[in-house]
Amino acid sequence: MQRDHPGILHLHGKWDVPGSCILGIRDYTATLTSEVRSLIQRSLSSFGQLLFVGCGDTFSDPNFSALINWCRTNIGGAPPLHYAFVTEKDYGPRKKDQAWQGFVDPISYPNHADLPAKLLEIVADVQAAKRKPKRTSSSLIDEAQCLDAYRTF
């Protein structure tokens, strides 16, 4: 939560840690009543952008429904828009899904076999954006002077 390092959060558990997996109604009940889990989810969804992978029907489950309702009630339109990878066949229905609108924007990819390449493409784009030099006040002044010179020409 302090952004010390990037990572992947497995909200429904990790396959190689069976005790962390949410599989039945008791697991959902425990999830919905966990204040720590709720705090983490609310913080992440309120103050950062999330990319959901492999979560097609996740937004209709009780855990995410509660999170989405909390965000809409307490933050309104202010939370950052999140993204979710969906297959091309699921893109249309997800784009129209009321539960997603204003909270999650779907990004399509052709099929499940194409997902790793799409993820690598997105990572490369993000890294390239981070490498772009920041505009300094002197470069902005130079641009303003250039515009003024052009206008007087």
Protein backbone atom coordinates (compact mmCIF):
# COMPACT_ATOMS: atom_id res chain seq x y z
CA MET A 1 0.00 0.00 0.00
CA GLN A 2 2.99 2.30 0.48
CA ARG A 3 4.17 1.51 -3.06
CA ASP A 4 7.53 0.26 -1.81
CA HIS A 5 7.60 -2.21 -4.68
CA PRO A 6 5.29 -3.31 -7.48
CA GLY A 7 3.43 -6.53 -7.08
CA ILE A 8 0.47 -8.70 -7.84
CA LEU A 9 -2.34 -8.99 -5.35
CA HIS A 10 -4.35 -12.20 -5.52
CA LEU A 11 -7.67 -11.11 -4.02
CA HIS A 12 -9.27 -14.54 -4.31
CA GLY A 13 -6.23 -16.47 -3.23
CA LYS A 14 -3.27 -18.10 -4.86
CA TRP A 15 -3.47 -21.64 -6.20
CA ASP A 16 -0.31 -22.77 -4.40
CA VAL A 17 -1.54 -21.44 -1.03
CA PRO A 18 -4.84 -23.35 -0.67
CA GLY A 19 -5.81 -21.66 2.59
CA SER A 20 -5.89 -18.29 0.82
CA CYS A 21 -8.42 -19.37 -1.82
CA ILE A 22 -12.05 -18.27 -1.69
CA LEU A 23 -14.06 -21.25 -2.81
CA GLY A 24 -17.40 -21.31 -1.03
CA ILE A 25 -20.00 -19.31 0.88
CA ARG A 26 -18.06 -19.52 4.17
CA ASP A 27 -14.99 -18.11 2.46
CA TYR A 28 -17.04 -15.22 1.04
CA THR A 29 -18.58 -14.53 4.44
CA ALA A 30 -15.13 -14.40 6.02
CA THR A 31 -13.97 -12.11 3.22
CA LEU A 32 -16.88 -9.72 3.56
CA THR A 33 -16.40 -9.43 7.33
CA SER A 34 -12.61 -8.93 7.22
CA GLU A 35 -11.87 -5.31 8.10
CA VAL A 36 -8.22 -5.59 7.03
CA ARG A 37 -9.11 -7.00 3.62
CA SER A 38 -11.78 -4.34 3.20
CA LEU A 39 -9.33 -1.57 4.12
CA ILE A 40 -6.75 -2.82 1.61
CA GLN A 41 -9.29 -3.15 -1.19
CA ARG A 42 -10.81 0.26 -0.48
CA SER A 43 -7.41 1.94 -0.33
CA LEU A 44 -6.15 0.36 -3.52
CA SER A 45 -9.32 1.09 -5.47
CA SER A 46 -9.59 4.65 -4.16
CA PHE A 47 -6.04 5.90 -4.55
CA GLY A 48 -4.53 3.95 -7.42
CA GLN A 49 -5.39 2.43 -10.74
CA LEU A 50 -5.76 -1.33 -10.87
CA LEU A 51 -5.48 -3.75 -13.76
CA PHE A 52 -7.66 -6.82 -13.32
CA VAL A 53 -6.54 -9.96 -15.10
CA GLY A 54 -8.66 -13.11 -15.15
CA CYS A 55 -11.58 -11.45 -13.40
CA GLY A 56 -14.40 -11.69 -15.96
CA ASP A 57 -17.22 -12.57 -13.58
CA THR A 58 -15.48 -11.32 -10.46
CA PHE A 59 -17.35 -8.03 -10.45
CA SER A 60 -20.65 -9.79 -9.82
CA ASP A 61 -19.42 -11.61 -6.71
CA PRO A 62 -20.37 -10.30 -3.23
CA ASN A 63 -16.85 -9.12 -2.37
CA PHE A 64 -16.46 -6.87 -5.41
CA SER A 65 -20.09 -5.78 -5.40
CA ALA A 66 -19.56 -4.49 -1.86
CA LEU A 67 -16.34 -2.72 -2.91
CA ILE A 68 -17.92 -1.10 -5.96
CA ASN A 69 -20.96 0.01 -3.94
CA TRP A 70 -18.70 1.45 -1.22
CA CYS A 71 -16.69 3.42 -3.81
CA ARG A 72 -19.80 4.77 -5.51
CA THR A 73 -21.45 5.71 -2.20
CA ASN A 74 -18.45 7.23 -0.45
CA ILE A 75 -16.32 8.57 -3.27
CA GLY A 76 -18.83 9.06 -6.07
CA GLY A 77 -17.20 9.69 -9.42
CA ALA A 78 -13.84 10.51 -7.88
CA PRO A 79 -12.12 7.11 -7.76
CA PRO A 80 -9.64 6.42 -10.53
CA LEU A 81 -10.91 4.34 -13.39
CA HIS A 82 -9.58 0.80 -13.31
CA TYR A 83 -9.00 -1.58 -16.21
CA ALA A 84 -9.68 -5.25 -16.85
CA PHE A 85 -8.43 -7.52 -19.60
CA VAL A 86 -11.27 -9.37 -21.30
CA THR A 87 -11.45 -11.47 -24.43
CA GLU A 88 -12.86 -9.86 -27.56
CA LYS A 89 -16.05 -11.92 -27.23
CA ASP A 90 -16.60 -10.56 -23.69
CA TYR A 91 -15.72 -6.95 -24.52
CA GLY A 92 -19.17 -5.83 -25.73
CA PRO A 93 -21.13 -7.24 -22.79
CA ARG A 94 -18.58 -5.90 -20.28
CA LYS A 95 -18.62 -2.43 -21.85
CA LYS A 96 -22.43 -2.36 -21.37
CA ASP A 97 -22.40 -3.93 -17.89
CA GLN A 98 -23.77 -1.42 -15.34
CA ALA A 99 -21.56 -2.89 -12.60
CA TRP A 100 -18.47 -2.01 -14.64
CA GLN A 101 -19.47 1.45 -15.88
CA GLY A 102 -17.62 4.25 -14.16
CA PHE A 103 -15.44 1.79 -12.26
CA VAL A 104 -13.74 -0.61 -14.70
CA ASP A 105 -12.95 -0.06 -18.36
CA PRO A 106 -12.47 -3.30 -20.33
CA ILE A 107 -9.42 -3.78 -22.56
CA SER A 108 -9.86 -6.52 -25.13
CA TYR A 109 -7.44 -9.11 -26.42
CA PRO A 110 -8.23 -11.77 -29.06
CA ASN A 111 -8.11 -14.93 -26.93
CA HIS A 112 -6.50 -16.38 -23.82
CA ALA A 113 -3.39 -17.46 -25.74
CA ASP A 114 -2.75 -13.79 -26.63
CA LEU A 115 -2.93 -12.52 -23.04
CA PRO A 116 0.80 -12.84 -22.16
CA ALA A 117 1.81 -10.82 -25.24
CA LYS A 118 -0.81 -8.16 -24.44
CA LEU A 119 0.46 -7.88 -20.86
CA LEU A 120 4.05 -7.50 -22.08
CA GLU A 121 2.92 -4.80 -24.53
CA ILE A 122 1.23 -2.84 -21.74
CA VAL A 123 4.26 -3.17 -19.46
CA ALA A 124 6.54 -1.91 -22.25
CA ASP A 125 4.24 1.08 -22.85
CA VAL A 126 4.21 1.96 -19.14
CA GLN A 127 7.99 1.67 -18.88
CA ALA A 128 8.46 3.84 -21.99
CA ALA A 129 6.15 6.48 -20.53
CA LYS A 130 8.19 6.54 -17.32
CA ARG A 131 11.41 7.08 -19.30
CA LYS A 132 10.14 10.17 -21.12
CA PRO A 133 11.95 13.25 -19.87
CA LYS A 134 9.86 15.50 -17.71
CA ARG A 135 9.23 18.97 -19.05
CA THR A 136 11.13 21.57 -17.09
CA SER A 137 10.19 25.18 -16.59
CA SER A 138 13.07 26.23 -18.87
CA SER A 139 11.80 23.99 -21.68
CA LEU A 140 8.33 25.49 -21.26
CA ILE A 141 9.83 28.99 -21.45
CA ASP A 142 11.74 27.99 -24.61
CA GLU A 143 8.50 26.73 -26.15
CA ALA A 144 6.68 29.93 -25.22
CA GLN A 145 9.47 32.03 -26.76
CA CYS A 146 9.35 29.91 -29.91
CA LEU A 147 5.58 30.43 -30.17
CA ASP A 148 5.98 34.17 -29.67
CA ALA A 149 8.64 34.28 -32.40
CA TYR A 150 6.35 32.35 -34.74
CA ARG A 151 3.43 34.67 -34.04
CA THR A 152 5.49 37.77 -34.81
CA PHE A 153 6.77 36.21 -38.04
